[in-house]
Amino acid sequence: MELTINEILTRKKLSEVVGAGGDSCFLHKDRKVVAIAMDPKKNPDAPNIILVGRGPQKERYAELFRQSGKFVPTFVKETVDQWKYVGRYRALPIKIENDPAVIETHSQKSGRNDIWGVLSLEPEIAK
């Protein structure tokens, strides 16, 4: 299925389209991140920045995604079970930012206290 910018999908349809599910923002299959789905309540700078929560799975997939250098379909939550396709994004190849001052800034902005790292993304430029 070809996705259109600003197209709205349910989480079930989103999972069908990308071939992976789960409730994480890193949708993955065979240890590869195949899509990103961000809630702006948890990621106020979505889709340009993902605030990675603590936990071995979240940290592992954030790092695998960063290392892959691949553009993946990216979705931002609009409302309950409504996810807007915003294009294809990849992680910047720089490290995941774990500096306490940077995390504190994002914690204040997002209201979260579970941030492990800050991952910057860039959009794929249409040719």
PDB file of N, CA and C in Angstrom:
ATOM      1  N   MET A   1       0.850  -1.187   0.000  1.00  0.00           N
ATOM      2  CA  MET A   1       0.000   0.000   0.000  1.00  0.00           C
ATOM      3  C   MET A   1       0.889   1.241   0.000  1.00  0.00           C
ATOM      4  N   GLU A   2       0.600   2.140  -0.892  1.00  0.00           N
ATOM      5  CA  GLU A   2       1.324   3.411  -0.964  1.00  0.00           C
ATOM      6  C   GLU A   2       0.683   4.388   0.012  1.00  0.00           C
ATOM      7  N   LEU A   3       1.484   4.965   0.886  1.00  0.00           N
ATOM      8  CA  LEU A   3       0.970   5.921   1.857  1.00  0.00           C
ATOM      9  C   LEU A   3       1.025   7.331   1.297  1.00  0.00           C
ATOM     10  N   THR A   4       0.075   8.150   1.701  1.00  0.00           N
ATOM     11  CA  THR A   4      -0.007   9.542   1.287  1.00  0.00           C
ATOM     12  C   THR A   4       0.224  10.425   2.507  1.00  0.00           C
ATOM     13  N   ILE A   5       1.029  11.464   2.343  1.00  0.00           N
ATOM     14  CA  ILE A   5       1.275  12.395   3.449  1.00  0.00           C
ATOM     15  C   ILE A   5      -0.064  12.886   4.006  1.00  0.00           C
ATOM     16  N   ASN A   6      -0.150  12.920   5.331  1.00  0.00           N
ATOM     17  CA  ASN A   6      -1.333  13.329   6.091  1.00  0.00           C
ATOM     18  C   ASN A   6      -2.462  12.304   6.093  1.00  0.00           C
ATOM     19  N   GLU A   7      -2.225  11.132   5.492  1.00  0.00           N
ATOM     20  CA  GLU A   7      -3.219  10.059   5.542  1.00  0.00           C
ATOM     21  C   GLU A   7      -3.363   9.589   6.991  1.00  0.00           C
ATOM     22  N   ILE A   8      -4.600   9.312   7.409  1.00  0.00           N
ATOM     23  CA  ILE A   8      -4.883   8.862   8.771  1.00  0.00           C
ATOM     24  C   ILE A   8      -5.192   7.373   8.750  1.00  0.00           C
ATOM     25  N   LEU A   9      -4.536   6.633   9.662  1.00  0.00           N
ATOM     26  CA  LEU A   9      -4.764   5.199   9.791  1.00  0.00           C
ATOM     27  C   LEU A   9      -5.029   4.851  11.253  1.00  0.00           C
ATOM     28  N   THR A  10      -5.775   3.766  11.464  1.00  0.00           N
ATOM     29  CA  THR A  10      -5.892   3.234  12.816  1.00  0.00           C
ATOM     30  C   THR A  10      -4.586   2.510  13.133  1.00  0.00           C
ATOM     31  N   ARG A  11      -4.351   2.220  14.408  1.00  0.00           N
ATOM     32  CA  ARG A  11      -3.115   1.513  14.769  1.00  0.00           C
ATOM     33  C   ARG A  11      -3.103   0.118  14.142  1.00  0.00           C
ATOM     34  N   LYS A  12      -4.263  -0.523  14.057  1.00  0.00           N
ATOM     35  CA  LYS A  12      -4.339  -1.849  13.437  1.00  0.00           C
ATOM     36  C   LYS A  12      -3.949  -1.769  11.964  1.00  0.00           C
ATOM     37  N   LYS A  13      -4.498  -0.797  11.234  1.00  0.00           N
ATOM     38  CA  LYS A  13      -4.187  -0.642   9.814  1.00  0.00           C
ATOM     39  C   LYS A  13      -2.716  -0.261   9.632  1.00  0.00           C
ATOM     40  N   LEU A  14      -2.226   0.617  10.483  1.00  0.00           N
ATOM     41  CA  LEU A  14      -0.816   1.010  10.448  1.00  0.00           C
ATOM     42  C   LEU A  14       0.065  -0.233  10.576  1.00  0.00           C
ATOM     43  N   SER A  15      -0.255  -1.102  11.530  1.00  0.00           N
ATOM     44  CA  SER A  15       0.516  -2.336  11.748  1.00  0.00           C
ATOM     45  C   SER A  15       0.459  -3.250  10.527  1.00  0.00           C
ATOM     46  N   GLU A  16      -0.714  -3.347   9.915  1.00  0.00           N
ATOM     47  CA  GLU A  16      -0.854  -4.166   8.703  1.00  0.00           C
ATOM     48  C   GLU A  16       0.009  -3.619   7.575  1.00  0.00           C
ATOM     49  N   VAL A  17      -0.011  -2.304   7.399  1.00  0.00           N
ATOM     50  CA  VAL A  17       0.725  -1.662   6.304  1.00  0.00           C
ATOM     51  C   VAL A  17       2.236  -1.844   6.453  1.00  0.00           C
ATOM     52  N   VAL A  18       2.763  -1.687   7.672  1.00  0.00           N
ATOM     53  CA  VAL A  18       4.219  -1.771   7.863  1.00  0.00           C
ATOM     54  C   VAL A  18       4.692  -3.188   8.196  1.00  0.00           C
ATOM     55  N   GLY A  19       3.752  -4.079   8.507  1.00  0.00           N
ATOM     56  CA  GLY A  19       4.119  -5.467   8.794  1.00  0.00           C
ATOM     57  C   GLY A  19       4.695  -5.687  10.169  1.00  0.00           C
ATOM     58  N   ALA A  20       4.358  -4.822  11.110  1.00  0.00           N
ATOM     59  CA  ALA A  20       4.855  -4.965  12.487  1.00  0.00           C
ATOM     60  C   ALA A  20       3.881  -4.259  13.415  1.00  0.00           C
ATOM     61  N   GLY A  21       3.814  -4.730  14.641  1.00  0.00           N
ATOM     62  CA  GLY A  21       2.899  -4.137  15.595  1.00  0.00           C
ATOM     63  C   GLY A  21       3.569  -3.837  16.916  1.00  0.00           C
ATOM     64  N   GLY A  22       2.759  -3.838  17.953  1.00  0.00           N
ATOM     65  CA  GLY A  22       3.258  -3.555  19.285  1.00  0.00           C
ATOM     66  C   GLY A  22       2.798  -2.193  19.752  1.00  0.00           C
ATOM     67  N   ASP A  23       3.101  -1.889  21.012  1.00  0.00           N
ATOM     68  CA  ASP A  23       2.659  -0.603  21.555  1.00  0.00           C
ATOM     69  C   ASP A  23       3.805   0.374  21.741  1.00  0.00           C
ATOM     70  N   SER A  24       4.980   0.013  21.278  1.00  0.00           N
ATOM     71  CA  SER A  24       6.144   0.888  21.347  1.00  0.00           C
ATOM     72  C   SER A  24       6.105   1.877  20.185  1.00  0.00           C
ATOM     73  N   CYS A  25       6.877   2.961  20.298  1.00  0.00           N
ATOM     74  CA  CYS A  25       6.966   3.867  19.150  1.00  0.00           C
ATOM     75  C   CYS A  25       7.872   3.292  18.067  1.00  0.00           C
ATOM     76  N   PHE A  26       8.722   2.320  18.426  1.00  0.00           N
ATOM     77  CA  PHE A  26       9.579   1.653  17.439  1.00  0.00           C
ATOM     78  C   PHE A  26       8.914   0.351  17.013  1.00  0.00           C
ATOM     79  N   LEU A  27       8.227   0.365  15.874  1.00  0.00           N
ATOM     80  CA  LEU A  27       7.614  -0.857  15.372  1.00  0.00           C
ATOM     81  C   LEU A  27       8.707  -1.661  14.690  1.00  0.00           C
ATOM     82  N   HIS A  28       8.843  -2.909  15.082  1.00  0.00           N
ATOM     83  CA  HIS A  28       9.981  -3.686  14.598  1.00  0.00           C
ATOM     84  C   HIS A  28       9.591  -5.096  14.201  1.00  0.00           C
ATOM     85  N   LYS A  29      10.426  -5.648  13.316  1.00  0.00           N
ATOM     86  CA  LYS A  29      10.273  -7.026  12.852  1.00  0.00           C
ATOM     87  C   LYS A  29      11.673  -7.557  12.575  1.00  0.00           C
ATOM     88  N   ASP A  30      11.938  -8.763  13.050  1.00  0.00           N
ATOM     89  CA  ASP A  30      13.251  -9.394  12.843  1.00  0.00           C
ATOM     90  C   ASP A  30      14.398  -8.483  13.287  1.00  0.00           C
ATOM     91  N   ARG A  31      14.236  -7.867  14.458  1.00  0.00           N
ATOM     92  CA  ARG A  31      15.253  -6.992  15.062  1.00  0.00           C
ATOM     93  C   ARG A  31      15.593  -5.764  14.210  1.00  0.00           C
ATOM     94  N   LYS A  32      14.635  -5.354  13.372  1.00  0.00           N
ATOM     95  CA  LYS A  32      14.809  -4.147  12.567  1.00  0.00           C
ATOM     96  C   LYS A  32      13.604  -3.246  12.777  1.00  0.00           C
ATOM     97  N   VAL A  33      13.860  -1.961  12.969  1.00  0.00           N
ATOM     98  CA  VAL A  33      12.777  -0.989  13.086  1.00  0.00           C
ATOM     99  C   VAL A  33      12.241  -0.738  11.680  1.00  0.00           C
ATOM    100  N   VAL A  34      10.929  -0.959  11.502  1.00  0.00           N
ATOM    101  CA  VAL A  34      10.316  -0.804  10.184  1.00  0.00           C
ATOM    102  C   VAL A  34       9.389   0.410  10.104  1.00  0.00           C
ATOM    103  N   ALA A  35       9.078   1.012  11.264  1.00  0.00           N
ATOM    104  CA  ALA A  35       8.242   2.214  11.290  1.00  0.00           C
ATOM    105  C   ALA A  35       8.344   2.861  12.666  1.00  0.00           C
ATOM    106  N   ILE A  36       7.951   4.123  12.709  1.00  0.00           N
ATOM    107  CA  ILE A  36       7.918   4.893  13.950  1.00  0.00           C
ATOM    108  C   ILE A  36       6.488   5.406  14.126  1.00  0.00           C
ATOM    109  N   ALA A  37       5.979   5.320  15.353  1.00  0.00           N
ATOM    110  CA  ALA A  37       4.657   5.868  15.668  1.00  0.00           C
ATOM    111  C   ALA A  37       4.791   6.641  16.978  1.00  0.00           C
ATOM    112  N   MET A  38       4.681   7.962  16.902  1.00  0.00           N
ATOM    113  CA  MET A  38       4.928   8.830  18.062  1.00  0.00           C
ATOM    114  C   MET A  38       3.660   9.521  18.534  1.00  0.00           C
ATOM    115  N   ASP A  39       3.512   9.571  19.841  1.00  0.00           N
ATOM    116  CA  ASP A  39       2.432  10.321  20.468  1.00  0.00           C
ATOM    117  C   ASP A  39       3.008  11.685  20.862  1.00  0.00           C
ATOM    118  N   PRO A  40       2.476  12.780  20.330  1.00  0.00           N
ATOM    119  CA  PRO A  40       3.033  14.099  20.654  1.00  0.00           C
ATOM    120  C   PRO A  40       2.887  14.479  22.130  1.00  0.00           C
ATOM    121  N   LYS A  41       2.013  13.810  22.864  1.00  0.00           N
ATOM    122  CA  LYS A  41       1.935  14.065  24.302  1.00  0.00           C
ATOM    123  C   LYS A  41       3.204  13.599  24.992  1.00  0.00           C
ATOM    124  N   LYS A  42       3.813  12.543  24.477  1.00  0.00           N
ATOM    125  CA  LYS A  42       5.071  12.023  25.029  1.00  0.00           C
ATOM    126  C   LYS A  42       6.286  12.551  24.275  1.00  0.00           C
ATOM    127  N   ASN A  43       6.068  13.009  23.057  1.00  0.00           N
ATOM    128  CA  ASN A  43       7.133  13.503  22.183  1.00  0.00           C
ATOM    129  C   ASN A  43       6.696  14.826  21.571  1.00  0.00           C
ATOM    130  N   PRO A  44       6.765  15.927  22.346  1.00  0.00           N
ATOM    131  CA  PRO A  44       6.217  17.203  21.867  1.00  0.00           C
ATOM    132  C   PRO A  44       6.883  17.754  20.607  1.00  0.00           C
ATOM    133  N   ASP A  45       8.090  17.300  20.280  1.00  0.00           N
ATOM    134  CA  ASP A  45       8.766  17.773  19.070  1.00  0.00           C
ATOM    135  C   ASP A  45       8.665  16.764  17.928  1.00  0.00           C
ATOM    136  N   ALA A  46       7.681  15.854  18.020  1.00  0.00           N
ATOM    137  CA  ALA A  46       7.469  14.866  16.963  1.00  0.00           C
ATOM    138  C   ALA A  46       7.121  15.583  15.660  1.00  0.00           C
ATOM    139  N   PRO A  47       7.600  15.132  14.523  1.00  0.00           N
ATOM    140  CA  PRO A  47       8.376  13.917  14.306  1.00  0.00           C
ATOM    141  C   PRO A  47       9.893  14.122  14.288  1.00  0.00           C
ATOM    142  N   ASN A  48      10.360  15.278  14.714  1.00  0.00           N
ATOM    143  CA  ASN A  48      11.799  15.560  14.607  1.00  0.00           C
ATOM    144  C   ASN A  48      12.634  15.002  15.756  1.00  0.00           C
ATOM    145  N   ILE A  49      11.987  14.727  16.885  1.00  0.00           N
ATOM    146  CA  ILE A  49      12.716  14.212  18.044  1.00  0.00           C
ATOM    147  C   ILE A  49      11.875  13.141  18.728  1.00  0.00           C
ATOM    148  N   ILE A  50      12.515  12.013  19.003  1.00  0.00           N
ATOM    149  CA  ILE A  50      11.892  10.964  19.809  1.00  0.00           C
ATOM    150  C   ILE A  50      12.546  11.002  21.182  1.00  0.00           C
ATOM    151  N   LEU A  51      11.725  11.055  22.217  1.00  0.00           N
ATOM    152  CA  LEU A  51      12.217  10.948  23.583  1.00  0.00           C
ATOM    153  C   LEU A  51      12.114   9.478  23.959  1.00  0.00           C
ATOM    154  N   VAL A  52      13.263   8.819  24.048  1.00  0.00           N
ATOM    155  CA  VAL A  52      13.319   7.379  24.283  1.00  0.00           C
ATOM    156  C   VAL A  52      13.201   7.111  25.778  1.00  0.00           C
ATOM    157  N   GLY A  53      12.197   6.325  26.144  1.00  0.00           N
ATOM    158  CA  GLY A  53      12.015   5.955  27.540  1.00  0.00           C
ATOM    159  C   GLY A  53      13.038   4.932  28.003  1.00  0.00           C
ATOM    160  N   ARG A  54      13.140   4.799  29.324  1.00  0.00           N
ATOM    161  CA  ARG A  54      14.055   3.807  29.890  1.00  0.00           C
ATOM    162  C   ARG A  54      13.492   2.400  29.704  1.00  0.00           C
ATOM    163  N   GLY A  55      14.394   1.454  29.555  1.00  0.00           N
ATOM    164  CA  GLY A  55      14.014   0.052  29.428  1.00  0.00           C
ATOM    165  C   GLY A  55      14.833  -0.606  28.344  1.00  0.00           C
ATOM    166  N   PRO A  56      15.231  -1.847  28.563  1.00  0.00           N
ATOM    167  CA  PRO A  56      16.133  -2.508  27.607  1.00  0.00           C
ATOM    168  C   PRO A  56      15.581  -2.594  26.189  1.00  0.00           C
ATOM    169  N   GLN A  57      14.294  -2.878  26.017  1.00  0.00           N
ATOM    170  CA  GLN A  57      13.723  -2.972  24.667  1.00  0.00           C
ATOM    171  C   GLN A  57      13.735  -1.619  23.968  1.00  0.00           C
ATOM    172  N   LYS A  58      13.269  -0.587  24.651  1.00  0.00           N
ATOM    173  CA  LYS A  58      13.213   0.753  24.049  1.00  0.00           C
ATOM    174  C   LYS A  58      14.614   1.233  23.684  1.00  0.00           C
ATOM    175  N   GLU A  59      15.552   1.054  24.612  1.00  0.00           N
ATOM    176  CA  GLU A  59      16.927   1.500  24.377  1.00  0.00           C
ATOM    177  C   GLU A  59      17.562   0.726  23.224  1.00  0.00           C
ATOM    178  N   ARG A  60      17.340  -0.584  23.187  1.00  0.00           N
ATOM    179  CA  ARG A  60      17.925  -1.423  22.128  1.00  0.00           C
ATOM    180  C   ARG A  60      17.399  -1.008  20.758  1.00  0.00           C
ATOM    181  N   TYR A  61      16.065  -0.855  20.640  1.00  0.00           N
ATOM    182  CA  TYR A  61      15.516  -0.514  19.327  1.00  0.00           C
ATOM    183  C   TYR A  61      15.835   0.915  18.908  1.00  0.00           C
ATOM    184  N   ALA A  62      15.973   1.812  19.855  1.00  0.00           N
ATOM    185  CA  ALA A  62      16.408   3.168  19.517  1.00  0.00           C
ATOM    186  C   ALA A  62      17.817   3.126  18.919  1.00  0.00           C
ATOM    187  N   GLU A  63      18.685   2.361  19.535  1.00  0.00           N
ATOM    188  CA  GLU A  63      20.066   2.267  19.045  1.00  0.00           C
ATOM    189  C   GLU A  63      20.131   1.519  17.713  1.00  0.00           C
ATOM    190  N   LEU A  64      19.369   0.443  17.558  1.00  0.00           N
ATOM    191  CA  LEU A  64      19.344  -0.278  16.278  1.00  0.00           C
ATOM    192  C   LEU A  64      18.842   0.628  15.157  1.00  0.00           C
ATOM    193  N   PHE A  65      17.815   1.409  15.451  1.00  0.00           N
ATOM    194  CA  PHE A  65      17.280   2.338  14.455  1.00  0.00           C
ATOM    195  C   PHE A  65      18.324   3.387  14.085  1.00  0.00           C
ATOM    196  N   ARG A  66      18.985   3.960  15.083  1.00  0.00           N
ATOM    197  CA  ARG A  66      20.008   4.967  14.808  1.00  0.00           C
ATOM    198  C   ARG A  66      21.120   4.391  13.937  1.00  0.00           C
ATOM    199  N   GLN A  67      21.570   3.197  14.267  1.00  0.00           N
ATOM    200  CA  GLN A  67      22.670   2.573  13.532  1.00  0.00           C
ATOM    201  C   GLN A  67      22.282   2.175  12.106  1.00  0.00           C
ATOM    202  N   SER A  68      21.005   1.886  11.889  1.00  0.00           N
ATOM    203  CA  SER A  68      20.571   1.397  10.565  1.00  0.00           C
ATOM    204  C   SER A  68      20.719   2.452   9.473  1.00  0.00           C
ATOM    205  N   GLY A  69      20.494   3.714   9.818  1.00  0.00           N
ATOM    206  CA  GLY A  69      20.559   4.774   8.816  1.00  0.00           C
ATOM    207  C   GLY A  69      19.425   4.727   7.805  1.00  0.00           C
ATOM    208  N   LYS A  70      18.418   3.914   8.059  1.00  0.00           N
ATOM    209  CA  LYS A  70      17.331   3.731   7.099  1.00  0.00           C
ATOM    210  C   LYS A  70      16.154   4.667   7.387  1.00  0.00           C
ATOM    211  N   PHE A  71      15.537   5.130   6.304  1.00  0.00           N
ATOM    212  CA  PHE A  71      14.308   5.907   6.401  1.00  0.00           C
ATOM    213  C   PHE A  71      13.148   4.927   6.572  1.00  0.00           C
ATOM    214  N   VAL A  72      12.253   5.221   7.503  1.00  0.00           N
ATOM    215  CA  VAL A  72      11.086   4.362   7.730  1.00  0.00           C
ATOM    216  C   VAL A  72       9.820   5.216   7.761  1.00  0.00           C
ATOM    217  N   PRO A  73       8.677   4.609   7.427  1.00  0.00           N
ATOM    218  CA  PRO A  73       7.416   5.341   7.539  1.00  0.00           C
ATOM    219  C   PRO A  73       7.237   5.838   8.974  1.00  0.00           C
ATOM    220  N   THR A  74       6.810   7.083   9.099  1.00  0.00           N
ATOM    221  CA  THR A  74       6.686   7.708  10.418  1.00  0.00           C
ATOM    222  C   THR A  74       5.281   8.287  10.573  1.00  0.00           C
ATOM    223  N   PHE A  75       4.713   8.025  11.753  1.00  0.00           N
ATOM    224  CA  PHE A  75       3.341   8.404  12.058  1.00  0.00           C
ATOM    225  C   PHE A  75       3.308   9.193  13.364  1.00  0.00           C
ATOM    226  N   VAL A  76       2.405  10.173  13.419  1.00  0.00           N
ATOM    227  CA  VAL A  76       2.206  10.959  14.633  1.00  0.00           C
ATOM    228  C   VAL A  76       0.733  10.826  15.020  1.00  0.00           C
ATOM    229  N   LYS A  77       0.498  10.538  16.282  1.00  0.00           N
ATOM    230  CA  LYS A  77      -0.864  10.346  16.774  1.00  0.00           C
ATOM    231  C   LYS A  77      -1.632  11.666  16.730  1.00  0.00           C
ATOM    232  N   GLU A  78      -2.827  11.610  16.166  1.00  0.00           N
ATOM    233  CA  GLU A  78      -3.708  12.777  16.089  1.00  0.00           C
ATOM    234  C   GLU A  78      -4.685  12.789  17.255  1.00  0.00           C
ATOM    235  N   THR A  79      -5.322  11.644  17.485  1.00  0.00           N
ATOM    236  CA  THR A  79      -6.306  11.480  18.543  1.00  0.00           C
ATOM    237  C   THR A  79      -6.406   9.975  18.820  1.00  0.00           C
ATOM    238  N   VAL A  80      -7.390   9.564  19.568  1.00  0.00           N
ATOM    239  CA  VAL A  80      -7.521   8.154  19.917  1.00  0.00           C
ATOM    240  C   VAL A  80      -7.567   7.289  18.654  1.00  0.00           C
ATOM    241  N   ASP A  81      -6.592   6.382  18.540  1.00  0.00           N
ATOM    242  CA  ASP A  81      -6.488   5.421  17.432  1.00  0.00           C
ATOM    243  C   ASP A  81      -6.501   6.069  16.047  1.00  0.00           C
ATOM    244  N   GLN A  82      -5.967   7.267  15.937  1.00  0.00           N
ATOM    245  CA  GLN A  82      -5.843   7.961  14.654  1.00  0.00           C
ATOM    246  C   GLN A  82      -4.395   8.418  14.498  1.00  0.00           C
ATOM    247  N   TRP A  83      -3.692   7.805  13.536  1.00  0.00           N
ATOM    248  CA  TRP A  83      -2.270   8.055  13.336  1.00  0.00           C
ATOM    249  C   TRP A  83      -2.043   8.658  11.958  1.00  0.00           C
ATOM    250  N   LYS A  84      -1.425   9.835  11.921  1.00  0.00           N
ATOM    251  CA  LYS A  84      -1.188  10.555  10.664  1.00  0.00           C
ATOM    252  C   LYS A  84       0.196  10.206  10.124  1.00  0.00           C
ATOM    253  N   TYR A  85       0.225   9.809   8.855  1.00  0.00           N
ATOM    254  CA  TYR A  85       1.489   9.542   8.170  1.00  0.00           C
ATOM    255  C   TYR A  85       2.143  10.873   7.827  1.00  0.00           C
ATOM    256  N   VAL A  86       3.392  11.065   8.294  1.00  0.00           N
ATOM    257  CA  VAL A  86       4.077  12.343   8.071  1.00  0.00           C
ATOM    258  C   VAL A  86       5.284  12.217   7.141  1.00  0.00           C
ATOM    259  N   GLY A  87       5.503  11.024   6.591  1.00  0.00           N
ATOM    260  CA  GLY A  87       6.618  10.813   5.680  1.00  0.00           C
ATOM    261  C   GLY A  87       7.585   9.770   6.214  1.00  0.00           C
ATOM    262  N   ARG A  88       8.735   9.703   5.558  1.00  0.00           N
ATOM    263  CA  ARG A  88       9.769   8.737   5.947  1.00  0.00           C
ATOM    264  C   ARG A  88      10.900   9.510   6.647  1.00  0.00           C
ATOM    265  N   TYR A  89      11.280   9.009   7.807  1.00  0.00           N
ATOM    266  CA  TYR A  89      12.321   9.640   8.617  1.00  0.00           C
ATOM    267  C   TYR A  89      13.379   8.619   8.982  1.00  0.00           C
ATOM    268  N   ARG A  90      14.572   9.131   9.274  1.00  0.00           N
ATOM    269  CA  ARG A  90      15.639   8.289   9.816  1.00  0.00           C
ATOM    270  C   ARG A  90      16.292   9.034  10.968  1.00  0.00           C
ATOM    271  N   ALA A  91      16.976   8.271  11.789  1.00  0.00           N
ATOM    272  CA  ALA A  91      17.709   8.873  12.900  1.00  0.00           C
ATOM    273  C   ALA A  91      18.981   9.517  12.366  1.00  0.00           C
ATOM    274  N   LEU A  92      19.339  10.650  12.932  1.00  0.00           N
ATOM    275  CA  LEU A  92      20.628  11.249  12.593  1.00  0.00           C
ATOM    276  C   LEU A  92      21.720  10.309  13.087  1.00  0.00           C
ATOM    277  N   PRO A  93      22.813  10.202  12.362  1.00  0.00           N
ATOM    278  CA  PRO A  93      23.840   9.225  12.727  1.00  0.00           C
ATOM    279  C   PRO A  93      24.632   9.558  13.993  1.00  0.00           C
ATOM    280  N   ILE A  94      24.427  10.747  14.531  1.00  0.00           N
ATOM    281  CA  ILE A  94      25.109  11.081  15.784  1.00  0.00           C
ATOM    282  C   ILE A  94      24.533  10.220  16.898  1.00  0.00           C
ATOM    283  N   LYS A  95      25.175  10.221  18.021  1.00  0.00           N
ATOM    284  CA  LYS A  95      24.728   9.380  19.138  1.00  0.00           C
ATOM    285  C   LYS A  95      23.368   9.801  19.672  1.00  0.00           C
ATOM    286  N   ILE A  96      22.784   8.896  20.415  1.00  0.00           N
ATOM    287  CA  ILE A  96      21.574   9.239  21.157  1.00  0.00           C
ATOM    288  C   ILE A  96      22.035  10.095  22.328  1.00  0.00           C
ATOM    289  N   GLU A  97      21.434  11.260  22.465  1.00  0.00           N
ATOM    290  CA  GLU A  97      21.862  12.218  23.495  1.00  0.00           C
ATOM    291  C   GLU A  97      21.394  11.760  24.871  1.00  0.00           C
ATOM    292  N   ASN A  98      22.367  11.529  25.766  1.00  0.00           N
ATOM    293  CA  ASN A  98      22.060  11.101  27.130  1.00  0.00           C
ATOM    294  C   ASN A  98      22.523  12.113  28.170  1.00  0.00           C
ATOM    295  N   ASP A  99      22.927  13.303  27.723  1.00  0.00           N
ATOM    296  CA  ASP A  99      23.409  14.320  28.652  1.00  0.00           C
ATOM    297  C   ASP A  99      22.278  14.708  29.615  1.00  0.00           C
ATOM    298  N   PRO A 100      22.534  14.671  30.927  1.00  0.00           N
ATOM    299  CA  PRO A 100      21.488  14.978  31.897  1.00  0.00           C
ATOM    300  C   PRO A 100      20.830  16.350  31.694  1.00  0.00           C
ATOM    301  N   ALA A 101      21.581  17.351  31.285  1.00  0.00           N
ATOM    302  CA  ALA A 101      21.011  18.683  31.070  1.00  0.00           C
ATOM    303  C   ALA A 101      20.037  18.670  29.885  1.00  0.00           C
ATOM    304  N   VAL A 102      20.404  17.955  28.831  1.00  0.00           N
ATOM    305  CA  VAL A 102      19.521  17.861  27.655  1.00  0.00           C
ATOM    306  C   VAL A 102      18.263  17.090  28.023  1.00  0.00           C
ATOM    307  N   ILE A 103      18.435  15.988  28.747  1.00  0.00           N
ATOM    308  CA  ILE A 103      17.280  15.188  29.174  1.00  0.00           C
ATOM    309  C   ILE A 103      16.373  16.015  30.078  1.00  0.00           C
ATOM    310  N   GLU A 104      16.939  16.787  30.980  1.00  0.00           N
ATOM    311  CA  GLU A 104      16.144  17.621  31.886  1.00  0.00           C
ATOM    312  C   GLU A 104      15.306  18.641  31.106  1.00  0.00           C
ATOM    313  N   THR A 105      15.900  19.257  30.097  1.00  0.00           N
ATOM    314  CA  THR A 105      15.171  20.213  29.265  1.00  0.00           C
ATOM    315  C   THR A 105      13.964  19.544  28.609  1.00  0.00           C
ATOM    316  N   HIS A 106      14.181  18.366  28.043  1.00  0.00           N
ATOM    317  CA  HIS A 106      13.090  17.642  27.384  1.00  0.00           C
ATOM    318  C   HIS A 106      12.084  17.099  28.392  1.00  0.00           C
ATOM    319  N   SER A 107      12.547  16.743  29.578  1.00  0.00           N
ATOM    320  CA  SER A 107      11.637  16.274  30.638  1.00  0.00           C
ATOM    321  C   SER A 107      10.674  17.381  31.031  1.00  0.00           C
ATOM    322  N   GLN A 108      11.200  18.592  31.185  1.00  0.00           N
ATOM    323  CA  GLN A 108      10.344  19.725  31.556  1.00  0.00           C
ATOM    324  C   GLN A 108       9.331  20.019  30.462  1.00  0.00           C
ATOM    325  N   LYS A 109       9.776  19.971  29.214  1.00  0.00           N
ATOM    326  CA  LYS A 109       8.899  20.279  28.085  1.00  0.00           C
ATOM    327  C   LYS A 109       7.791  19.239  27.916  1.00  0.00           C
ATOM    328  N   SER A 110       8.144  17.957  28.147  1.00  0.00           N
ATOM    329  CA  SER A 110       7.202  16.863  27.905  1.00  0.00           C
ATOM    330  C   SER A 110       6.429  16.432  29.144  1.00  0.00           C
ATOM    331  N   GLY A 111       6.922  16.813  30.324  1.00  0.00           N
ATOM    332  CA  GLY A 111       6.302  16.351  31.555  1.00  0.00           C
ATOM    333  C   GLY A 111       6.655  14.916  31.907  1.00  0.00           C
ATOM    334  N   ARG A 112       7.641  14.372  31.232  1.00  0.00           N
ATOM    335  CA  ARG A 112       8.042  12.973  31.458  1.00  0.00           C
ATOM    336  C   ARG A 112       9.252  12.907  32.378  1.00  0.00           C
ATOM    337  N   ASN A 113       9.309  11.846  33.174  1.00  0.00           N
ATOM    338  CA  ASN A 113      10.485  11.624  34.019  1.00  0.00           C
ATOM    339  C   ASN A 113      11.117  10.263  33.751  1.00  0.00           C
ATOM    340  N   ASP A 114      10.805   9.678  32.588  1.00  0.00           N
ATOM    341  CA  ASP A 114      11.317   8.357  32.238  1.00  0.00           C
ATOM    342  C   ASP A 114      12.255   8.395  31.033  1.00  0.00           C
ATOM    343  N   ILE A 115      12.761   9.570  30.665  1.00  0.00           N
ATOM    344  CA  ILE A 115      13.557   9.691  29.439  1.00  0.00           C
ATOM    345  C   ILE A 115      14.968   9.149  29.640  1.00  0.00           C
ATOM    346  N   TRP A 116      15.334   8.211  28.792  1.00  0.00           N
ATOM    347  CA  TRP A 116      16.683   7.646  28.779  1.00  0.00           C
ATOM    348  C   TRP A 116      17.580   8.418  27.814  1.00  0.00           C
ATOM    349  N   GLY A 117      17.006   8.828  26.666  1.00  0.00           N
ATOM    350  CA  GLY A 117      17.810   9.510  25.663  1.00  0.00           C
ATOM    351  C   GLY A 117      16.950  10.292  24.683  1.00  0.00           C
ATOM    352  N   VAL A 118      17.613  11.159  23.935  1.00  0.00           N
ATOM    353  CA  VAL A 118      16.955  12.010  22.948  1.00  0.00           C
ATOM    354  C   VAL A 118      17.528  11.654  21.578  1.00  0.00           C
ATOM    355  N   LEU A 119      16.639  11.260  20.675  1.00  0.00           N
ATOM    356  CA  LEU A 119      17.042  10.822  19.346  1.00  0.00           C
ATOM    357  C   LEU A 119      16.484  11.798  18.315  1.00  0.00           C
ATOM    358  N   SER A 120      17.380  12.427  17.557  1.00  0.00           N
ATOM    359  CA  SER A 120      16.969  13.384  16.529  1.00  0.00           C
ATOM    360  C   SER A 120      16.748  12.658  15.205  1.00  0.00           C
ATOM    361  N   LEU A 121      15.704  13.083  14.481  1.00  0.00           N
ATOM    362  CA  LEU A 121      15.356  12.478  13.201  1.00  0.00           C
ATOM    363  C   LEU A 121      15.423  13.516  12.093  1.00  0.00           C
ATOM    364  N   GLU A 122      15.528  13.017  10.869  1.00  0.00           N
ATOM    365  CA  GLU A 122      15.469  13.892   9.700  1.00  0.00           C
ATOM    366  C   GLU A 122      14.572  13.253   8.652  1.00  0.00           C
ATOM    367  N   PRO A 123      13.830  14.089   7.912  1.00  0.00           N
ATOM    368  CA  PRO A 123      12.936  13.559   6.890  1.00  0.00           C
ATOM    369  C   PRO A 123      13.700  13.205   5.614  1.00  0.00           C
ATOM    370  N   GLU A 124      13.136  12.256   4.888  1.00  0.00           N
ATOM    371  CA  GLU A 124      13.660  11.934   3.567  1.00  0.00           C
ATOM    372  C   GLU A 124      13.198  13.029   2.617  1.00  0.00           C
ATOM    373  N   ILE A 125      14.090  13.528   1.820  1.00  0.00           N
ATOM    374  CA  ILE A 125      13.758  14.593   0.880  1.00  0.00           C
ATOM    375  C   ILE A 125      13.328  13.932  -0.432  1.00  0.00           C
ATOM    376  N   ALA A 126      12.128  14.290  -0.901  1.00  0.00           N
ATOM    377  CA  ALA A 126      11.613  13.721  -2.155  1.00  0.00           C
ATOM    378  C   ALA A 126      12.492  14.173  -3.319  1.00  0.00           C
ATOM    379  N   LYS A 127      12.739  13.249  -4.220  1.00  0.00           N
ATOM    380  CA  LYS A 127      13.594  13.553  -5.383  1.00  0.00           C
ATOM    381  C   LYS A 127      12.773  13.714  -6.631  1.00  0.00           C
TER     382      LYS A 127
END
